Amino acid sequence: MTRSALPPALESHTLLVAAVIVHDEAAGRVLLLQRAAGSKFAPLHWDLPCGKAGKGESVTAAAARELAEETGLTVDPATLRVAGIIHGAWGVEAPNGFLTVIFAARQWHGEPVNAEPRKHAQVAWFPVGRLPAELVPDRREALLGYLRSPGEPVVSTDGF
């Protein structure tokens, strides 16, 4: 039997990520960010506002924080609704993969801006029927599932 070289506390570590679908239902559009050309993950692909939860931070607080940091939009974490969950087994940051909780925001304050130009090339609204081809695949699946059935969260186990 092979022993892991990782400390016991990291052997079962799962990276917690929060993502937000900003859905302007009245205009029939969603907000996406294009990752910068130099991104280590999915360069120049479109993505949802998202990021890692900090130590001791709730996933809803992380979602609201990441949305504000990346787009300048503010949202009350209590208004976020689960739209999907992705448990992915690929990547090297966490031995047990990552768990992305995708929330839908239908109410927010502010106008979107590219608040992190070093991380993102641009921020743009897309009509729900014309999403960009270069959208991070697991996020595309979750976004399309949400748009088809907003009250039924999609669960994906990518790589298991």
Protein backbone atom coordinates (compact mmCIF):
# COMPACT_ATOMS: atom_id res chain seq x y z
CA MET A 1 0.00 0.00 0.00
CA THR A 2 1.34 3.43 -0.95
CA ARG A 3 1.22 6.20 1.61
CA SER A 4 0.37 9.70 0.53
CA ALA A 5 3.11 12.31 0.72
CA LEU A 6 0.49 14.86 1.76
CA PRO A 7 -0.11 15.79 5.39
CA PRO A 8 -3.26 14.07 6.74
CA ALA A 9 -5.15 17.39 6.86
CA LEU A 10 -4.71 17.80 3.09
CA GLU A 11 -5.43 14.24 1.98
CA SER A 12 -9.17 14.89 1.88
CA HIS A 13 -8.95 18.61 1.10
CA THR A 14 -11.59 19.85 -1.36
CA LEU A 15 -11.32 23.35 -2.76
CA LEU A 16 -14.55 25.32 -2.21
CA VAL A 17 -15.46 27.71 -5.03
CA ALA A 18 -18.44 30.05 -5.36
CA ALA A 19 -19.79 31.23 -8.72
CA VAL A 20 -22.64 33.60 -9.57
CA ILE A 21 -25.04 33.66 -12.50
CA VAL A 22 -26.10 37.30 -12.78
CA HIS A 23 -29.43 36.92 -14.58
CA ASP A 24 -31.20 39.99 -15.88
CA GLU A 25 -34.52 38.25 -16.52
CA ALA A 26 -36.28 41.37 -17.83
CA ALA A 27 -33.66 41.86 -20.57
CA GLY A 28 -33.09 38.12 -21.15
CA ARG A 29 -29.35 38.27 -20.55
CA VAL A 30 -26.56 36.99 -18.29
CA LEU A 31 -23.28 38.59 -17.25
CA LEU A 32 -20.00 36.86 -18.11
CA LEU A 33 -16.30 37.63 -17.69
CA GLN A 34 -13.64 36.80 -20.24
CA ARG A 35 -10.52 35.44 -18.55
CA ALA A 36 -7.26 37.21 -19.42
CA ALA A 37 -4.88 35.78 -22.03
CA GLY A 38 -2.36 35.03 -19.26
CA SER A 39 -4.79 33.11 -17.01
CA LYS A 40 -3.47 29.79 -15.75
CA PHE A 41 -7.00 28.37 -16.06
CA ALA A 42 -8.98 28.66 -19.32
CA PRO A 43 -7.27 31.70 -20.86
CA LEU A 44 -9.59 33.86 -22.99
CA HIS A 45 -12.59 31.68 -22.10
CA TRP A 46 -15.76 33.27 -20.80
CA ASP A 47 -16.76 32.40 -17.26
CA LEU A 48 -19.12 33.27 -14.45
CA PRO A 49 -17.87 35.59 -11.72
CA CYS A 50 -16.29 33.10 -9.33
CA GLY A 51 -13.52 32.41 -6.87
CA LYS A 52 -12.32 30.43 -3.89
CA ALA A 53 -13.91 30.74 -0.47
CA GLY A 54 -11.53 31.97 2.20
CA LYS A 55 -10.83 30.09 5.43
CA GLY A 56 -13.89 30.42 7.67
CA GLU A 57 -15.91 32.17 4.93
CA SER A 58 -19.37 30.88 4.05
CA VAL A 59 -19.95 29.97 0.42
CA THR A 60 -22.67 32.64 0.06
CA ALA A 61 -20.37 35.31 1.51
CA ALA A 62 -17.64 34.16 -0.90
CA ALA A 63 -20.06 34.42 -3.84
CA ALA A 64 -21.06 37.98 -2.90
CA ARG A 65 -17.44 38.99 -2.29
CA GLU A 66 -16.17 37.54 -5.57
CA LEU A 67 -19.00 39.17 -7.51
CA ALA A 68 -18.12 42.56 -6.03
CA GLU A 69 -14.36 42.09 -6.48
CA GLU A 70 -14.69 41.05 -10.12
CA THR A 71 -17.62 43.12 -11.41
CA GLY A 72 -18.32 45.87 -8.88
CA LEU A 73 -21.86 44.52 -8.42
CA THR A 74 -23.12 44.04 -4.88
CA VAL A 75 -25.63 41.45 -3.80
CA ASP A 76 -27.15 40.46 -0.49
CA PRO A 77 -25.89 36.89 0.14
CA ALA A 78 -29.31 35.98 1.58
CA THR A 79 -30.93 36.55 -1.84
CA LEU A 80 -28.68 34.08 -3.68
CA ARG A 81 -30.27 30.79 -4.76
CA VAL A 82 -28.41 27.59 -5.59
CA ALA A 83 -28.41 27.05 -9.36
CA GLY A 84 -25.92 24.21 -9.60
CA ILE A 85 -23.10 22.25 -8.03
CA ILE A 86 -19.96 21.00 -9.76
CA HIS A 87 -17.68 18.50 -8.07
CA GLY A 88 -14.64 18.24 -10.30
CA ALA A 89 -11.81 15.77 -9.96
CA TRP A 90 -9.29 17.49 -12.22
CA GLY A 91 -6.73 20.11 -11.35
CA VAL A 92 -3.81 20.16 -8.97
CA GLU A 93 -4.81 22.72 -6.35
CA ALA A 94 -6.70 20.29 -4.14
CA PRO A 95 -6.09 16.53 -3.84
CA ASN A 96 -9.83 15.81 -3.67
CA GLY A 97 -10.76 18.21 -6.47
CA PHE A 98 -13.03 21.17 -6.10
CA LEU A 99 -16.64 21.82 -5.23
CA THR A 100 -18.18 24.80 -7.03
CA VAL A 101 -21.52 26.04 -5.76
CA ILE A 102 -23.19 28.13 -8.44
CA PHE A 103 -25.71 30.71 -7.29
CA ALA A 104 -28.25 32.73 -9.24
CA ALA A 105 -28.53 36.44 -8.51
CA ARG A 106 -31.67 38.12 -9.80
CA GLN A 107 -31.22 41.28 -7.73
CA TRP A 108 -28.04 43.33 -7.40
CA HIS A 109 -26.84 46.89 -7.08
CA GLY A 110 -24.54 48.77 -9.42
CA GLU A 111 -23.41 48.57 -13.02
CA PRO A 112 -20.91 45.90 -14.05
CA VAL A 113 -17.30 46.87 -14.67
CA ASN A 114 -14.11 44.91 -15.21
CA ALA A 115 -12.89 45.46 -11.67
CA GLU A 116 -9.92 43.09 -12.05
CA PRO A 117 -8.38 43.94 -15.45
CA ARG A 118 -5.26 41.86 -14.69
CA LYS A 119 -7.44 38.76 -14.34
CA HIS A 120 -10.13 39.48 -16.94
CA ALA A 121 -10.02 40.82 -20.48
CA GLN A 122 -13.60 42.09 -20.36
CA VAL A 123 -17.05 41.82 -18.81
CA ALA A 124 -20.15 41.68 -21.01
CA TRP A 125 -23.85 40.88 -21.07
CA PHE A 126 -24.95 38.03 -23.35
CA PRO A 127 -28.48 37.20 -24.51
CA VAL A 128 -29.49 33.87 -22.94
CA GLY A 129 -29.95 32.38 -26.43
CA ARG A 130 -26.51 33.47 -27.66
CA LEU A 131 -23.87 32.43 -25.16
CA PRO A 132 -20.26 32.54 -26.37
CA ALA A 133 -18.75 29.34 -27.75
CA GLU A 134 -15.64 29.74 -25.58
CA LEU A 135 -17.43 29.38 -22.24
CA VAL A 136 -15.77 27.20 -19.56
CA PRO A 137 -17.48 23.82 -20.25
CA ASP A 138 -18.69 22.86 -16.75
CA ARG A 139 -19.99 26.40 -16.16
CA ARG A 140 -21.77 26.27 -19.55
CA GLU A 141 -23.51 23.06 -18.48
CA ALA A 142 -24.61 24.60 -15.18
CA LEU A 143 -25.72 27.87 -16.82
CA LEU A 144 -27.75 26.10 -19.51
CA GLY A 145 -29.33 23.83 -16.89
CA TYR A 146 -30.29 26.86 -14.82
CA LEU A 147 -31.77 28.64 -17.84
CA ARG A 148 -33.82 25.54 -18.79
CA SER A 149 -35.14 24.94 -15.26
CA PRO A 150 -34.31 27.78 -12.82
CA GLY A 151 -35.76 25.95 -9.81
CA GLU A 152 -33.87 22.70 -10.37
CA PRO A 153 -30.13 22.89 -9.58
CA VAL A 154 -27.84 20.90 -11.87
CA VAL A 155 -25.30 18.62 -10.21
CA SER A 156 -22.20 17.66 -12.19
CA THR A 157 -19.39 15.30 -11.19
CA ASP A 158 -16.77 16.18 -13.78
CA GLY A 159 -13.98 13.61 -13.79
CA PHE A 160 -15.32 11.15 -11.22
